[in-house]
């Protein structure tokens, strides 16, 4: 088994101590990290609430669009029925006019 020389041990110690000490977090850094995490959580929750509100508004708009489409379809059906009736009346007037010319 080899032993480390005093110089090598001292050199390793000089390199290792700052690395180990640098890995330790101070109380302030932990508190800052926690505050940052809390702020990020709050922002995420706010964003989630806004997304939920936007989804609700989109669903409401979709429902209104569906109702408008239904009303438009009903109006179109009524217009088609009226057009059919107008065609019938035009035919009747044409027949009456043609009958009047024959006399």
PDB file of N, CA and C in Angstrom:
ATOM      1  N   UNK A   1       0.841  -1.178   0.000  1.00  0.00           N
ATOM      2  CA  UNK A   1       0.000   0.000   0.000  1.00  0.00           C
ATOM      3  C   UNK A   1       0.879   1.231   0.000  1.00  0.00           C
ATOM      4  N   UNK A   2       0.535   2.160  -0.872  1.00  0.00           N
ATOM      5  CA  UNK A   2       1.340   3.367  -0.967  1.00  0.00           C
ATOM      6  C   UNK A   2       0.766   4.422  -0.045  1.00  0.00           C
ATOM      7  N   UNK A   3       1.616   5.223   0.468  1.00  0.00           N
ATOM      8  CA  UNK A   3       1.187   6.329   1.308  1.00  0.00           C
ATOM      9  C   UNK A   3       1.321   7.618   0.524  1.00  0.00           C
ATOM     10  N   UNK A   4       0.443   8.545   0.809  1.00  0.00           N
ATOM     11  CA  UNK A   4       0.516   9.841   0.153  1.00  0.00           C
ATOM     12  C   UNK A   4       1.581  10.689   0.813  1.00  0.00           C
ATOM     13  N   UNK A   5       2.305  11.391   0.008  1.00  0.00           N
ATOM     14  CA  UNK A   5       3.288  12.303   0.589  1.00  0.00           C
ATOM     15  C   UNK A   5       2.551  13.513   1.150  1.00  0.00           C
ATOM     16  N   UNK A   6       3.229  14.194   2.022  1.00  0.00           N
ATOM     17  CA  UNK A   6       2.653  15.382   2.664  1.00  0.00           C
ATOM     18  C   UNK A   6       2.272  16.413   1.625  1.00  0.00           C
ATOM     19  N   UNK A   7       3.050  16.595   0.598  1.00  0.00           N
ATOM     20  CA  UNK A   7       2.777  17.600  -0.424  1.00  0.00           C
ATOM     21  C   UNK A   7       1.522  17.222  -1.228  1.00  0.00           C
ATOM     22  N   UNK A   8       1.414  15.937  -1.574  1.00  0.00           N
ATOM     23  CA  UNK A   8       0.247  15.518  -2.324  1.00  0.00           C
ATOM     24  C   UNK A   8      -1.029  15.647  -1.481  1.00  0.00           C
ATOM     25  N   UNK A   9      -0.958  15.287  -0.217  1.00  0.00           N
ATOM     26  CA  UNK A   9      -2.094  15.392   0.684  1.00  0.00           C
ATOM     27  C   UNK A   9      -2.513  16.847   0.839  1.00  0.00           C
ATOM     28  N   UNK A  10      -1.545  17.727   1.010  1.00  0.00           N
ATOM     29  CA  UNK A  10      -1.837  19.153   1.161  1.00  0.00           C
ATOM     30  C   UNK A  10      -2.451  19.705  -0.127  1.00  0.00           C
ATOM     31  N   UNK A  11      -1.919  19.252  -1.258  1.00  0.00           N
ATOM     32  CA  UNK A  11      -2.456  19.727  -2.538  1.00  0.00           C
ATOM     33  C   UNK A  11      -3.893  19.276  -2.740  1.00  0.00           C
ATOM     34  N   UNK A  12      -4.168  18.025  -2.425  1.00  0.00           N
ATOM     35  CA  UNK A  12      -5.536  17.523  -2.543  1.00  0.00           C
ATOM     36  C   UNK A  12      -6.488  18.234  -1.578  1.00  0.00           C
ATOM     37  N   UNK A  13      -6.000  18.521  -0.391  1.00  0.00           N
ATOM     38  CA  UNK A  13      -6.812  19.219   0.593  1.00  0.00           C
ATOM     39  C   UNK A  13      -7.143  20.623   0.113  1.00  0.00           C
ATOM     40  N   UNK A  14      -6.153  21.305  -0.447  1.00  0.00           N
ATOM     41  CA  UNK A  14      -6.377  22.665  -0.954  1.00  0.00           C
ATOM     42  C   UNK A  14      -7.421  22.654  -2.071  1.00  0.00           C
ATOM     43  N   UNK A  15      -7.445  21.610  -2.898  1.00  0.00           N
ATOM     44  CA  UNK A  15      -8.432  21.524  -3.973  1.00  0.00           C
ATOM     45  C   UNK A  15      -9.792  21.051  -3.473  1.00  0.00           C
ATOM     46  N   UNK A  16      -9.815  20.134  -2.535  1.00  0.00           N
ATOM     47  CA  UNK A  16     -11.057  19.518  -2.094  1.00  0.00           C
ATOM     48  C   UNK A  16     -11.887  20.405  -1.176  1.00  0.00           C
ATOM     49  N   UNK A  17     -11.251  21.131  -0.283  1.00  0.00           N
ATOM     50  CA  UNK A  17     -11.992  21.928   0.701  1.00  0.00           C
ATOM     51  C   UNK A  17     -12.881  22.975   0.017  1.00  0.00           C
ATOM     52  N   UNK A  18     -12.392  23.763  -0.938  1.00  0.00           N
ATOM     53  CA  UNK A  18     -13.299  24.738  -1.571  1.00  0.00           C
ATOM     54  C   UNK A  18     -14.427  24.058  -2.347  1.00  0.00           C
ATOM     55  N   UNK A  19     -14.120  22.927  -2.964  1.00  0.00           N
ATOM     56  CA  UNK A  19     -15.176  22.228  -3.691  1.00  0.00           C
ATOM     57  C   UNK A  19     -16.264  21.736  -2.750  1.00  0.00           C
ATOM     58  N   UNK A  20     -15.869  21.184  -1.620  1.00  0.00           N
ATOM     59  CA  UNK A  20     -16.849  20.709  -0.646  1.00  0.00           C
ATOM     60  C   UNK A  20     -17.601  21.861  -0.008  1.00  0.00           C
ATOM     61  N   UNK A  21     -16.891  22.924   0.318  1.00  0.00           N
ATOM     62  CA  UNK A  21     -17.531  24.080   0.943  1.00  0.00           C
ATOM     63  C   UNK A  21     -18.463  24.775  -0.045  1.00  0.00           C
ATOM     64  N   UNK A  22     -18.098  24.793  -1.311  1.00  0.00           N
ATOM     65  CA  UNK A  22     -18.939  25.419  -2.323  1.00  0.00           C
ATOM     66  C   UNK A  22     -20.234  24.662  -2.524  1.00  0.00           C
ATOM     67  N   UNK A  23     -20.286  23.416  -2.205  1.00  0.00           N
ATOM     68  CA  UNK A  23     -21.490  22.619  -2.348  1.00  0.00           C
ATOM     69  C   UNK A  23     -22.494  22.855  -1.242  1.00  0.00           C
ATOM     70  N   UNK A  24     -22.104  23.491  -0.174  1.00  0.00           N
ATOM     71  CA  UNK A  24     -23.004  23.761   0.945  1.00  0.00           C
ATOM     72  C   UNK A  24     -23.825  25.010   0.649  1.00  0.00           C
ATOM     73  N   UNK A  25     -25.112  24.923   0.878  1.00  0.00           N
ATOM     74  CA  UNK A  25     -25.991  26.058   0.643  1.00  0.00           C
ATOM     75  C   UNK A  25     -26.155  26.849   1.924  1.00  0.00           C
ATOM     76  N   UNK A  26     -26.168  28.158   1.768  1.00  0.00           N
ATOM     77  CA  UNK A  26     -26.421  28.996   2.935  1.00  0.00           C
ATOM     78  C   UNK A  26     -27.918  29.069   3.166  1.00  0.00           C
ATOM     79  N   UNK A  27     -28.280  29.479   4.345  1.00  0.00           N
ATOM     80  CA  UNK A  27     -29.695  29.602   4.679  1.00  0.00           C
ATOM     81  C   UNK A  27     -30.366  30.622   3.766  1.00  0.00           C
ATOM     82  N   UNK A  28     -29.658  31.705   3.487  1.00  0.00           N
ATOM     83  CA  UNK A  28     -30.216  32.746   2.621  1.00  0.00           C
ATOM     84  C   UNK A  28     -30.460  32.221   1.209  1.00  0.00           C
ATOM     85  N   UNK A  29     -29.518  31.417   0.705  1.00  0.00           N
ATOM     86  CA  UNK A  29     -29.697  30.897  -0.651  1.00  0.00           C
ATOM     87  C   UNK A  29     -30.862  29.916  -0.715  1.00  0.00           C
ATOM     88  N   UNK A  30     -31.045  29.145   0.352  1.00  0.00           N
ATOM     89  CA  UNK A  30     -32.178  28.216   0.398  1.00  0.00           C
ATOM     90  C   UNK A  30     -33.486  28.992   0.478  1.00  0.00           C
ATOM     91  N   UNK A  31     -33.521  30.027   1.302  1.00  0.00           N
ATOM     92  CA  UNK A  31     -34.726  30.852   1.428  1.00  0.00           C
ATOM     93  C   UNK A  31     -35.041  31.554   0.104  1.00  0.00           C
ATOM     94  N   UNK A  32     -33.995  32.028  -0.584  1.00  0.00           N
ATOM     95  CA  UNK A  32     -34.188  32.682  -1.879  1.00  0.00           C
ATOM     96  C   UNK A  32     -34.734  31.672  -2.899  1.00  0.00           C
ATOM     97  N   UNK A  33     -34.168  30.483  -2.898  1.00  0.00           N
ATOM     98  CA  UNK A  33     -34.638  29.445  -3.821  1.00  0.00           C
ATOM     99  C   UNK A  33     -36.093  29.082  -3.522  1.00  0.00           C
ATOM    100  N   UNK A  34     -36.452  28.990  -2.248  1.00  0.00           N
ATOM    101  CA  UNK A  34     -37.827  28.677  -1.875  1.00  0.00           C
ATOM    102  C   UNK A  34     -38.767  29.799  -2.296  1.00  0.00           C
ATOM    103  N   UNK A  35     -38.355  31.044  -2.094  1.00  0.00           N
ATOM    104  CA  UNK A  35     -39.186  32.180  -2.497  1.00  0.00           C
ATOM    105  C   UNK A  35     -39.384  32.194  -4.009  1.00  0.00           C
ATOM    106  N   UNK A  36     -38.322  31.882  -4.737  1.00  0.00           N
ATOM    107  CA  UNK A  36     -38.426  31.826  -6.196  1.00  0.00           C
ATOM    108  C   UNK A  36     -39.374  30.705  -6.619  1.00  0.00           C
ATOM    109  N   UNK A  37     -39.263  29.566  -5.978  1.00  0.00           N
ATOM    110  CA  UNK A  37     -40.156  28.444  -6.287  1.00  0.00           C
ATOM    111  C   UNK A  37     -41.606  28.786  -5.946  1.00  0.00           C
ATOM    112  N   UNK A  38     -41.819  29.445  -4.808  1.00  0.00           N
ATOM    113  CA  UNK A  38     -43.176  29.852  -4.420  1.00  0.00           C
ATOM    114  C   UNK A  38     -43.762  30.826  -5.433  1.00  0.00           C
ATOM    115  N   UNK A  39     -42.929  31.773  -5.893  1.00  0.00           N
ATOM    116  CA  UNK A  39     -43.379  32.748  -6.889  1.00  0.00           C
ATOM    117  C   UNK A  39     -43.723  32.044  -8.207  1.00  0.00           C
ATOM    118  N   UNK A  40     -42.886  31.106  -8.605  1.00  0.00           N
ATOM    119  CA  UNK A  40     -43.154  30.361  -9.837  1.00  0.00           C
ATOM    120  C   UNK A  40     -44.449  29.558  -9.713  1.00  0.00           C
ATOM    121  N   UNK A  41     -44.685  28.966  -8.558  1.00  0.00           N
ATOM    122  CA  UNK A  41     -45.918  28.216  -8.322  1.00  0.00           C
ATOM    123  C   UNK A  41     -47.130  29.138  -8.412  1.00  0.00           C
ATOM    124  N   UNK A  42     -47.028  30.310  -7.811  1.00  0.00           N
ATOM    125  CA  UNK A  42     -48.136  31.267  -7.843  1.00  0.00           C
ATOM    126  C   UNK A  42     -48.422  31.716  -9.280  1.00  0.00           C
ATOM    127  N   UNK A  43     -47.364  31.980 -10.039  1.00  0.00           N
ATOM    128  CA  UNK A  43     -47.545  32.383 -11.433  1.00  0.00           C
ATOM    129  C   UNK A  43     -48.171  31.249 -12.254  1.00  0.00           C
ATOM    130  N   UNK A  44     -47.744  30.025 -11.984  1.00  0.00           N
ATOM    131  CA  UNK A  44     -48.315  28.878 -12.691  1.00  0.00           C
ATOM    132  C   UNK A  44     -49.790  28.710 -12.343  1.00  0.00           C
ATOM    133  N   UNK A  45     -50.139  28.901 -11.089  1.00  0.00           N
ATOM    134  CA  UNK A  45     -51.544  28.782 -10.689  1.00  0.00           C
ATOM    135  C   UNK A  45     -52.392  29.880 -11.338  1.00  0.00           C
ATOM    136  N   UNK A  46     -51.846  31.092 -11.398  1.00  0.00           N
ATOM    137  CA  UNK A  46     -52.550  32.194 -12.053  1.00  0.00           C
ATOM    138  C   UNK A  46     -52.740  31.889 -13.532  1.00  0.00           C
ATOM    139  N   UNK A  47     -51.696  31.377 -14.168  1.00  0.00           N
ATOM    140  CA  UNK A  47     -51.794  31.016 -15.587  1.00  0.00           C
ATOM    141  C   UNK A  47     -52.842  29.920 -15.786  1.00  0.00           C
ATOM    142  N   UNK A  48     -52.891  28.968 -14.884  1.00  0.00           N
ATOM    143  CA  UNK A  48     -53.889  27.909 -14.966  1.00  0.00           C
ATOM    144  C   UNK A  48     -55.308  28.453 -14.837  1.00  0.00           C
ATOM    145  N   UNK A  49     -55.493  29.399 -13.920  1.00  0.00           N
ATOM    146  CA  UNK A  49     -56.812  30.003 -13.745  1.00  0.00           C
ATOM    147  C   UNK A  49     -57.219  30.777 -14.996  1.00  0.00           C
ATOM    148  N   UNK A  50     -56.252  31.489 -15.577  1.00  0.00           N
ATOM    149  CA  UNK A  50     -56.557  32.243 -16.802  1.00  0.00           C
ATOM    150  C   UNK A  50     -56.871  31.296 -17.957  1.00  0.00           C
ATOM    151  N   UNK A  51     -56.164  30.191 -18.015  1.00  0.00           N
ATOM    152  CA  UNK A  51     -56.440  29.201 -19.064  1.00  0.00           C
ATOM    153  C   UNK A  51     -57.829  28.605 -18.874  1.00  0.00           C
ATOM    154  N   UNK A  52     -58.202  28.338 -17.636  1.00  0.00           N
ATOM    155  CA  UNK A  52     -59.542  27.817 -17.356  1.00  0.00           C
ATOM    156  C   UNK A  52     -60.614  28.828 -17.765  1.00  0.00           C
ATOM    157  N   UNK A  53     -60.372  30.120 -17.467  1.00  0.00           N
ATOM    158  CA  UNK A  53     -61.330  31.162 -17.841  1.00  0.00           C
ATOM    159  C   UNK A  53     -61.431  31.268 -19.359  1.00  0.00           C
ATOM    160  N   UNK A  54     -60.303  31.164 -20.037  1.00  0.00           N
ATOM    161  CA  UNK A  54     -60.317  31.218 -21.506  1.00  0.00           C
ATOM    162  C   UNK A  54     -61.065  30.021 -22.081  1.00  0.00           C
ATOM    163  N   UNK A  55     -60.891  28.863 -21.499  1.00  0.00           N
ATOM    164  CA  UNK A  55     -61.600  27.666 -21.960  1.00  0.00           C
ATOM    165  C   UNK A  55     -63.103  27.829 -21.745  1.00  0.00           C
ATOM    166  N   UNK A  56     -63.481  28.394 -20.616  1.00  0.00           N
ATOM    167  CA  UNK A  56     -64.898  28.625 -20.334  1.00  0.00           C
ATOM    168  C   UNK A  56     -65.488  29.606 -21.343  1.00  0.00           C
ATOM    169  N   UNK A  57     -64.749  30.676 -21.649  1.00  0.00           N
ATOM    170  CA  UNK A  57     -65.227  31.654 -22.631  1.00  0.00           C
ATOM    171  C   UNK A  57     -65.335  31.015 -24.014  1.00  0.00           C
ATOM    172  N   UNK A  58     -64.378  30.174 -24.358  1.00  0.00           N
ATOM    173  CA  UNK A  58     -64.423  29.496 -25.657  1.00  0.00           C
ATOM    174  C   UNK A  58     -65.617  28.544 -25.732  1.00  0.00           C
ATOM    175  N   UNK A  59     -65.879  27.833 -24.651  1.00  0.00           N
ATOM    176  CA  UNK A  59     -67.038  26.932 -24.621  1.00  0.00           C
ATOM    177  C   UNK A  59     -68.341  27.712 -24.752  1.00  0.00           C
ATOM    178  N   UNK A  60     -68.404  28.859 -24.076  1.00  0.00           N
ATOM    179  CA  UNK A  60     -69.595  29.704 -24.157  1.00  0.00           C
ATOM    180  C   UNK A  60     -69.775  30.232 -25.578  1.00  0.00           C
ATOM    181  N   UNK A  61     -68.683  30.659 -26.194  1.00  0.00           N
ATOM    182  CA  UNK A  61     -68.756  31.147 -27.576  1.00  0.00           C
ATOM    183  C   UNK A  61     -69.190  30.025 -28.514  1.00  0.00           C
ATOM    184  N   UNK A  62     -68.702  28.830 -28.270  1.00  0.00           N
ATOM    185  CA  UNK A  62     -69.108  27.685 -29.088  1.00  0.00           C
ATOM    186  C   UNK A  62     -70.598  27.405 -28.959  1.00  0.00           C
ATOM    187  N   UNK A  63     -71.110  27.496 -27.748  1.00  0.00           N
ATOM    188  CA  UNK A  63     -72.549  27.283 -27.527  1.00  0.00           C
ATOM    189  C   UNK A  63     -73.372  28.347 -28.244  1.00  0.00           C
ATOM    190  N   UNK A  64     -72.907  29.595 -28.170  1.00  0.00           N
ATOM    191  CA  UNK A  64     -73.628  30.676 -28.855  1.00  0.00           C
ATOM    192  C   UNK A  64     -73.562  30.491 -30.367  1.00  0.00           C
ATOM    193  N   UNK A  65     -72.432  30.037 -30.863  1.00  0.00           N
ATOM    194  CA  UNK A  65     -72.307  29.780 -32.303  1.00  0.00           C
ATOM    195  C   UNK A  65     -73.238  28.655 -32.728  1.00  0.00           C
ATOM    196  N   UNK A  66     -73.347  27.619 -31.907  1.00  0.00           N
ATOM    197  CA  UNK A  66     -74.273  26.522 -32.208  1.00  0.00           C
ATOM    198  C   UNK A  66     -75.715  27.018 -32.249  1.00  0.00           C
ATOM    199  N   UNK A  67     -76.075  27.883 -31.290  1.00  0.00           N
ATOM    200  CA  UNK A  67     -77.436  28.432 -31.258  1.00  0.00           C
ATOM    201  C   UNK A  67     -77.685  29.304 -32.481  1.00  0.00           C
ATOM    202  N   UNK A  68     -76.695  30.090 -32.862  1.00  0.00           N
ATOM    203  CA  UNK A  68     -76.846  30.936 -34.049  1.00  0.00           C
ATOM    204  C   UNK A  68     -76.989  30.083 -35.306  1.00  0.00           C
ATOM    205  N   UNK A  69     -76.235  29.007 -35.385  1.00  0.00           N
ATOM    206  CA  UNK A  69     -76.342  28.113 -36.543  1.00  0.00           C
ATOM    207  C   UNK A  69     -77.719  27.474 -36.596  1.00  0.00           C
ATOM    208  N   UNK A  70     -78.243  27.089 -35.454  1.00  0.00           N
ATOM    209  CA  UNK A  70     -79.583  26.499 -35.393  1.00  0.00           C
ATOM    210  C   UNK A  70     -80.632  27.504 -35.863  1.00  0.00           C
ATOM    211  N   UNK A  71     -80.504  28.747 -35.406  1.00  0.00           N
ATOM    212  CA  UNK A  71     -81.447  29.789 -35.825  1.00  0.00           C
ATOM    213  C   UNK A  71     -81.324  30.055 -37.323  1.00  0.00           C
ATOM    214  N   UNK A  72     -80.099  30.059 -37.832  1.00  0.00           N
ATOM    215  CA  UNK A  72     -79.898  30.278 -39.266  1.00  0.00           C
ATOM    216  C   UNK A  72     -80.489  29.137 -40.082  1.00  0.00           C
ATOM    217  N   UNK A  73     -80.340  27.920 -39.609  1.00  0.00           N
ATOM    218  CA  UNK A  73     -80.930  26.769 -40.307  1.00  0.00           C
ATOM    219  C   UNK A  73     -82.460  26.848 -40.316  1.00  0.00           C
ATOM    220  N   UNK A  74     -83.022  27.263 -39.186  1.00  0.00           N
ATOM    221  CA  UNK A  74     -84.482  27.403 -39.108  1.00  0.00           C
ATOM    222  C   UNK A  74     -84.949  28.496 -40.075  1.00  0.00           C
ATOM    223  N   UNK A  75     -84.219  29.607 -40.117  1.00  0.00           N
ATOM    224  CA  UNK A  75     -84.589  30.698 -41.033  1.00  0.00           C
ATOM    225  C   UNK A  75     -84.466  30.248 -42.486  1.00  0.00           C
ATOM    226  N   UNK A  76     -83.443  29.479 -42.774  1.00  0.00           N
ATOM    227  CA  UNK A  76     -83.262  28.969 -44.131  1.00  0.00           C
ATOM    228  C   UNK A  76     -84.408  28.047 -44.529  1.00  0.00           C
ATOM    229  N   UNK A  77     -84.824  27.202 -43.606  1.00  0.00           N
ATOM    230  CA  UNK A  77     -85.958  26.303 -43.879  1.00  0.00           C
ATOM    231  C   UNK A  77     -87.227  27.103 -44.152  1.00  0.00           C
ATOM    232  N   UNK A  78     -87.461  28.140 -43.352  1.00  0.00           N
ATOM    233  CA  UNK A  78     -88.650  28.986 -43.549  1.00  0.00           C
ATOM    234  C   UNK A  78     -88.566  29.716 -44.894  1.00  0.00           C
ATOM    235  N   UNK A  79     -87.379  30.196 -45.235  1.00  0.00           N
ATOM    236  CA  UNK A  79     -87.211  30.888 -46.515  1.00  0.00           C
ATOM    237  C   UNK A  79     -87.460  29.930 -47.677  1.00  0.00           C
ATOM    238  N   UNK A  80     -86.986  28.697 -47.551  1.00  0.00           N
ATOM    239  CA  UNK A  80     -87.235  27.705 -48.601  1.00  0.00           C
ATOM    240  C   UNK A  80     -88.734  27.446 -48.750  1.00  0.00           C
ATOM    241  N   UNK A  81     -89.438  27.351 -47.620  1.00  0.00           N
ATOM    242  CA  UNK A  81     -90.881  27.120 -47.656  1.00  0.00           C
ATOM    243  C   UNK A  81     -91.596  28.292 -48.313  1.00  0.00           C
ATOM    244  N   UNK A  82     -91.189  29.496 -47.974  1.00  0.00           N
ATOM    245  CA  UNK A  82     -91.799  30.697 -48.557  1.00  0.00           C
ATOM    246  C   UNK A  82     -91.515  30.744 -50.053  1.00  0.00           C
ATOM    247  N   UNK A  83     -90.287  30.424 -50.441  1.00  0.00           N
ATOM    248  CA  UNK A  83     -89.959  30.411 -51.868  1.00  0.00           C
ATOM    249  C   UNK A  83     -90.827  29.403 -52.621  1.00  0.00           C
ATOM    250  N   UNK A  84     -91.056  28.260 -52.019  1.00  0.00           N
ATOM    251  CA  UNK A  84     -91.929  27.258 -52.633  1.00  0.00           C
ATOM    252  C   UNK A  84     -93.338  27.790 -52.808  1.00  0.00           C
ATOM    253  N   UNK A  85     -93.812  28.470 -51.786  1.00  0.00           N
ATOM    254  CA  UNK A  85     -95.174  29.043 -51.838  1.00  0.00           C
ATOM    255  C   UNK A  85     -95.249  30.136 -52.898  1.00  0.00           C
ATOM    256  N   UNK A  86     -94.213  30.967 -52.996  1.00  0.00           N
ATOM    257  CA  UNK A  86     -94.169  32.023 -54.015  1.00  0.00           C
ATOM    258  C   UNK A  86     -94.189  31.403 -55.402  1.00  0.00           C
ATOM    259  N   UNK A  87     -93.446  30.316 -55.595  1.00  0.00           N
ATOM    260  CA  UNK A  87     -93.453  29.638 -56.892  1.00  0.00           C
ATOM    261  C   UNK A  87     -94.860  29.133 -57.231  1.00  0.00           C
ATOM    262  N   UNK A  88     -95.549  28.578 -56.233  1.00  0.00           N
ATOM    263  CA  UNK A  88     -96.915  28.105 -56.446  1.00  0.00           C
ATOM    264  C   UNK A  88     -97.834  29.254 -56.848  1.00  0.00           C
ATOM    265  N   UNK A  89     -97.697  30.377 -56.169  1.00  0.00           N
ATOM    266  CA  UNK A  89     -98.539  31.538 -56.482  1.00  0.00           C
ATOM    267  C   UNK A  89     -98.221  32.088 -57.869  1.00  0.00           C
ATOM    268  N   UNK A  90     -96.940  32.103 -58.231  1.00  0.00           N
ATOM    269  CA  UNK A  90     -96.568  32.551 -59.578  1.00  0.00           C
ATOM    270  C   UNK A  90     -97.207  31.658 -60.632  1.00  0.00           C
ATOM    271  N   UNK A  91     -97.166  30.364 -60.404  1.00  0.00           N
ATOM    272  CA  UNK A  91     -97.793  29.428 -61.350  1.00  0.00           C
ATOM    273  C   UNK A  91     -99.300  29.684 -61.450  1.00  0.00           C
ATOM    274  N   UNK A  92     -99.925  29.928 -60.303  1.00  0.00           N
ATOM    275  CA  UNK A  92    -101.369  30.178 -60.281  1.00  0.00           C
ATOM    276  C   UNK A  92    -101.708  31.456 -61.048  1.00  0.00           C
ATOM    277  N   UNK A  93    -100.914  32.507 -60.831  1.00  0.00           N
ATOM    278  CA  UNK A  93    -101.144  33.768 -61.534  1.00  0.00           C
ATOM    279  C   UNK A  93    -100.944  33.566 -63.034  1.00  0.00           C
ATOM    280  N   UNK A  94     -99.909  32.831 -63.399  1.00  0.00           N
ATOM    281  CA  UNK A  94     -99.655  32.560 -64.819  1.00  0.00           C
ATOM    282  C   UNK A  94    -100.832  31.815 -65.448  1.00  0.00           C
ATOM    283  N   UNK A  95    -101.373  30.823 -64.728  1.00  0.00           N
ATOM    284  CA  UNK A  95    -102.520  30.069 -65.247  1.00  0.00           C
ATOM    285  C   UNK A  95    -103.742  30.965 -65.394  1.00  0.00           C
ATOM    286  N   UNK A  96    -103.951  31.829 -64.374  1.00  0.00           N
ATOM    287  CA  UNK A  96    -105.095  32.737 -64.422  1.00  0.00           C
ATOM    288  C   UNK A  96    -104.932  33.724 -65.582  1.00  0.00           C
ATOM    289  N   UNK A  97    -103.744  34.207 -65.799  1.00  0.00           N
ATOM    290  CA  UNK A  97    -103.492  35.139 -66.885  1.00  0.00           C
ATOM    291  C   UNK A  97    -103.702  34.450 -68.236  1.00  0.00           C
ATOM    292  N   UNK A  98    -103.198  33.228 -68.323  1.00  0.00           N
ATOM    293  CA  UNK A  98    -103.349  32.480 -69.561  1.00  0.00           C
ATOM    294  C   UNK A  98    -104.829  32.188 -69.826  1.00  0.00           C
ATOM    295  N   UNK A  99    -105.583  31.890 -68.767  1.00  0.00           N
ATOM    296  CA  UNK A  99    -107.022  31.616 -68.881  1.00  0.00           C
ATOM    297  C   UNK A  99    -107.754  32.868 -69.341  1.00  0.00           C
ATOM    298  N   UNK A 100    -107.323  34.020 -68.823  1.00  0.00           N
ATOM    299  CA  UNK A 100    -107.964  35.288 -69.185  1.00  0.00           C
ATOM    300  C   UNK A 100    -107.703  35.637 -70.634  1.00  0.00           C
ATOM    301  N   UNK A 101    -106.566  35.258 -71.163  1.00  0.00           N
ATOM    302  CA  UNK A 101    -106.252  35.551 -72.554  1.00  0.00           C
ATOM    303  C   UNK A 101    -107.069  34.689 -73.506  1.00  0.00           C
ATOM    304  N   UNK A 102    -107.451  33.495 -73.063  1.00  0.00           N
ATOM    305  CA  UNK A 102    -108.218  32.577 -73.902  1.00  0.00           C
ATOM    306  C   UNK A 102    -109.646  33.061 -74.109  1.00  0.00           C
ATOM    307  N   UNK A 103    -110.175  33.828 -73.231  1.00  0.00           N
ATOM    308  CA  UNK A 103    -111.573  34.258 -73.315  1.00  0.00           C
ATOM    309  C   UNK A 103    -111.755  35.287 -74.352  1.00  0.00           C
TER     310      UNK A 103
END
